[in-house]
Amino acid sequence: MKLLLHICCAPCSVMCIEKLREENIDITGFWYNPNIHPYIEYKNRRDCLKEYSSMINLDVIYKEEYGLREFTKNVINNLDNRCAYCYTVRLNETAKYAKENGYDAFCTTLLISPYQNHEKIIEIGNELAKKYGIKFYYYDFRPYFKEGQEKAREISLYMQKYCGCIFSEEERYEKKIKKDKEKSII
């Protein structure tokens, strides 16, 4: 099977690629992540994937689109739904590219993270499979998350501290923001 694998970041791809290769699946990576902000974070993740893919001999297609304005414009009025929007945008581009370029199926490394909405990713993947007439290859990579993170650290891959969007970066600091606010009132 010829599979286009959407890759959110190198660390999340480690075990996904390993497991898919164990099944003798012909994988091509696909970088499309206009949700990642700020730009330096986008660049760090992209460049890390370039280094890692070279190490493991993986072809990756890079669809460059740093999309802060487009992303924020589309989620600002419904921040609680931003993840579904984000999954849809990235998987839509993956499915479309896969169909237009002769792949048998598409998948995503998002399926490894216990922090992502797994069921929503599957739902969107299946909807896009119908839309484009291409298979969404579902694989529950979550049991390999910790092992993948350990392997990523062993080879010194850049390890990000948040999902990628500017709002998840804000959430990362919620407790600190609250404490700072309380201190300033006193």
Protein backbone atom coordinates (compact mmCIF):
# COMPACT_ATOMS: atom_id res chain seq x y z
CA MET A 1 0.00 0.00 0.00
CA LYS A 2 1.19 3.50 -0.86
CA LEU A 3 0.33 5.74 2.12
CA LEU A 4 0.56 9.49 2.60
CA LEU A 5 1.21 10.15 6.29
CA HIS A 6 0.39 13.59 7.63
CA ILE A 7 3.13 14.42 10.15
CA CYS A 8 2.47 16.96 12.89
CA CYS A 9 6.03 16.73 14.25
CA ALA A 10 9.04 14.44 14.23
CA PRO A 11 8.63 13.06 17.78
CA CYS A 12 5.06 11.95 17.10
CA SER A 13 6.13 10.33 13.84
CA VAL A 14 8.79 8.03 15.32
CA MET A 15 6.60 5.08 16.32
CA CYS A 16 3.98 5.71 13.63
CA ILE A 17 6.60 5.27 10.93
CA GLU A 18 8.16 2.30 12.70
CA LYS A 19 4.82 0.50 13.05
CA LEU A 20 3.72 1.24 9.48
CA ARG A 21 7.06 0.06 8.10
CA GLU A 22 6.68 -3.18 10.08
CA GLU A 23 3.55 -3.74 7.98
CA ASN A 24 5.58 -3.13 4.79
CA ILE A 25 3.57 -0.02 3.96
CA ASP A 26 5.21 2.37 1.50
CA ILE A 27 5.10 5.68 3.42
CA THR A 28 5.61 9.21 2.23
CA GLY A 29 5.45 11.93 4.86
CA PHE A 30 3.36 15.06 4.39
CA TRP A 31 4.10 18.27 6.31
CA TYR A 32 1.15 20.62 6.37
CA ASN A 33 0.63 22.41 9.68
CA PRO A 34 -0.57 26.00 9.25
CA ASN A 35 -1.84 25.84 12.84
CA ILE A 36 1.60 25.96 14.47
CA HIS A 37 2.50 29.33 16.00
CA PRO A 38 4.55 31.41 16.48
CA TYR A 39 6.73 31.16 13.37
CA ILE A 40 9.85 30.09 15.27
CA GLU A 41 7.91 27.10 16.62
CA TYR A 42 6.69 26.25 13.12
CA LYS A 43 10.27 26.46 11.82
CA ASN A 44 11.72 24.38 14.68
CA ARG A 45 9.23 21.57 14.13
CA ARG A 46 9.60 21.61 10.35
CA ASP A 47 13.39 21.67 10.46
CA CYS A 48 13.47 18.87 13.03
CA LEU A 49 11.34 16.74 10.70
CA LYS A 50 13.71 17.50 7.82
CA GLU A 51 16.65 16.25 9.89
CA TYR A 52 14.80 13.20 11.19
CA SER A 53 13.40 12.17 7.81
CA SER A 54 16.91 12.32 6.41
CA MET A 55 18.14 10.07 9.24
CA ILE A 56 15.50 7.41 8.57
CA ASN A 57 15.39 7.75 4.77
CA LEU A 58 11.80 8.96 4.55
CA ASP A 59 10.58 11.06 1.66
CA VAL A 60 8.51 14.00 2.91
CA ILE A 61 6.46 16.50 0.95
CA TYR A 62 6.53 19.95 2.53
CA LYS A 63 3.50 22.09 1.82
CA GLU A 64 4.69 25.33 3.35
CA GLU A 65 1.98 27.51 4.77
CA TYR A 66 2.49 29.48 7.92
CA GLY A 67 -1.07 30.51 8.58
CA LEU A 68 -1.45 32.55 11.76
CA ARG A 69 -3.94 35.04 10.32
CA GLU A 70 -6.04 32.42 8.52
CA PHE A 71 -6.05 30.10 11.52
CA THR A 72 -7.00 32.75 14.07
CA LYS A 73 -9.63 34.26 11.74
CA ASN A 74 -11.33 30.85 11.50
CA VAL A 75 -11.25 29.88 15.19
CA ILE A 76 -11.49 33.12 17.15
CA ASN A 77 -15.28 33.09 17.47
CA ASN A 78 -15.40 29.44 18.54
CA LEU A 79 -12.24 28.56 20.43
CA ASP A 80 -13.82 25.42 21.89
CA ASN A 81 -14.05 24.00 18.36
CA ARG A 82 -10.56 25.00 17.23
CA CYS A 83 -9.16 21.45 17.36
CA ALA A 84 -11.85 20.09 15.03
CA TYR A 85 -11.13 22.96 12.64
CA CYS A 86 -7.42 22.25 12.87
CA TYR A 87 -7.80 18.49 12.23
CA THR A 88 -10.11 19.18 9.29
CA VAL A 89 -7.79 21.69 7.60
CA ARG A 90 -4.72 19.48 7.89
CA LEU A 91 -6.39 16.19 7.01
CA ASN A 92 -8.33 17.75 4.12
CA GLU A 93 -5.09 18.89 2.52
CA THR A 94 -3.54 15.46 3.14
CA ALA A 95 -6.47 13.52 1.67
CA LYS A 96 -6.69 15.85 -1.32
CA TYR A 97 -2.97 15.56 -2.06
CA ALA A 98 -3.07 11.78 -1.62
CA LYS A 99 -5.96 11.41 -4.05
CA GLU A 100 -4.47 13.76 -6.65
CA ASN A 101 -1.08 12.04 -6.52
CA GLY A 102 -1.94 8.34 -6.70
CA TYR A 103 -1.73 7.23 -3.09
CA ASP A 104 -3.89 4.35 -1.87
CA ALA A 105 -4.61 5.86 1.53
CA PHE A 106 -3.81 8.62 4.00
CA CYS A 107 -3.20 8.64 7.74
CA THR A 108 -1.93 11.02 10.42
CA THR A 109 0.53 11.00 13.29
CA LEU A 110 -2.09 12.85 15.33
CA LEU A 111 -3.45 9.37 16.10
CA ILE A 112 -0.52 8.71 18.47
CA SER A 113 -1.25 11.50 20.93
CA PRO A 114 -3.30 10.78 24.03
CA TYR A 115 -3.87 14.55 24.19
CA GLN A 116 -5.77 14.77 20.89
CA ASN A 117 -9.46 14.00 20.33
CA HIS A 118 -8.94 10.56 18.81
CA GLU A 119 -12.59 9.96 17.92
CA LYS A 120 -12.88 13.34 16.19
CA ILE A 121 -9.78 12.63 14.12
CA ILE A 122 -11.26 9.30 13.01
CA GLU A 123 -14.60 10.93 12.19
CA ILE A 124 -12.95 13.64 10.10
CA GLY A 125 -10.62 11.14 8.41
CA ASN A 126 -13.57 8.97 7.40
CA GLU A 127 -15.56 11.96 6.13
CA LEU A 128 -12.64 13.09 3.99
CA ALA A 129 -12.10 9.55 2.71
CA LYS A 130 -15.66 9.60 1.37
CA LYS A 131 -15.27 13.13 0.00
CA TYR A 132 -12.12 12.31 -1.98
CA GLY A 133 -12.71 8.62 -2.68
CA ILE A 134 -9.54 7.46 -0.93
CA LYS A 135 -9.04 5.24 2.10
CA PHE A 136 -8.40 6.72 5.54
CA TYR A 137 -5.98 4.24 7.07
CA TYR A 138 -6.83 4.08 10.75
CA TYR A 139 -4.21 2.89 13.20
CA ASP A 140 -4.39 3.40 16.96
CA PHE A 141 -0.79 4.39 17.65
CA ARG A 142 -1.54 5.60 21.22
CA PRO A 143 -0.08 2.52 22.97
CA TYR A 144 3.30 3.53 21.49
CA PHE A 145 3.21 7.20 22.54
CA LYS A 146 5.60 6.97 25.52
CA GLU A 147 8.00 4.69 23.67
CA GLY A 148 8.04 7.13 20.76
CA GLN A 149 8.73 10.07 23.06
CA GLU A 150 11.59 8.16 24.71
CA LYS A 151 13.12 7.28 21.34
CA ALA A 152 12.75 10.90 20.20
CA ARG A 153 14.61 12.11 23.30
CA GLU A 154 17.35 9.49 22.80
CA ILE A 155 18.12 10.90 19.35
CA SER A 156 17.74 14.51 20.54
CA LEU A 157 14.71 15.48 18.47
CA TYR A 158 13.21 18.87 19.23
CA MET A 159 10.45 18.23 21.80
CA GLN A 160 7.73 20.86 21.79
CA LYS A 161 5.80 21.80 24.92
CA TYR A 162 2.33 22.31 23.44
CA CYS A 163 0.11 21.08 20.63
CA GLY A 164 0.96 23.90 18.26
CA CYS A 165 -1.68 26.57 18.11
CA ILE A 166 -1.25 29.86 19.90
CA PHE A 167 -4.26 29.09 22.09
CA SER A 168 -2.78 25.81 23.31
CA GLU A 169 0.37 27.74 24.17
CA GLU A 170 -1.79 30.07 26.26
CA GLU A 171 -3.43 27.09 28.01
CA ARG A 172 0.01 25.78 28.86
CA TYR A 173 0.49 28.85 31.07
CA GLU A 174 -3.04 29.13 32.54
CA LYS A 175 -1.99 28.29 36.12
CA LYS A 176 0.99 30.63 35.98
CA ILE A 177 -1.15 33.44 34.55
CA LYS A 178 -3.72 32.93 37.32
CA LYS A 179 -1.02 32.96 40.03
CA ASP A 180 0.59 36.09 38.60
CA LYS A 181 -2.78 37.81 38.47
CA GLU A 182 -3.52 36.88 42.10
CA LYS A 183 -0.10 38.20 43.20
CA SER A 184 -0.64 41.50 41.42
CA ILE A 185 -3.98 42.01 43.17
CA ILE A 186 -2.39 41.52 46.61
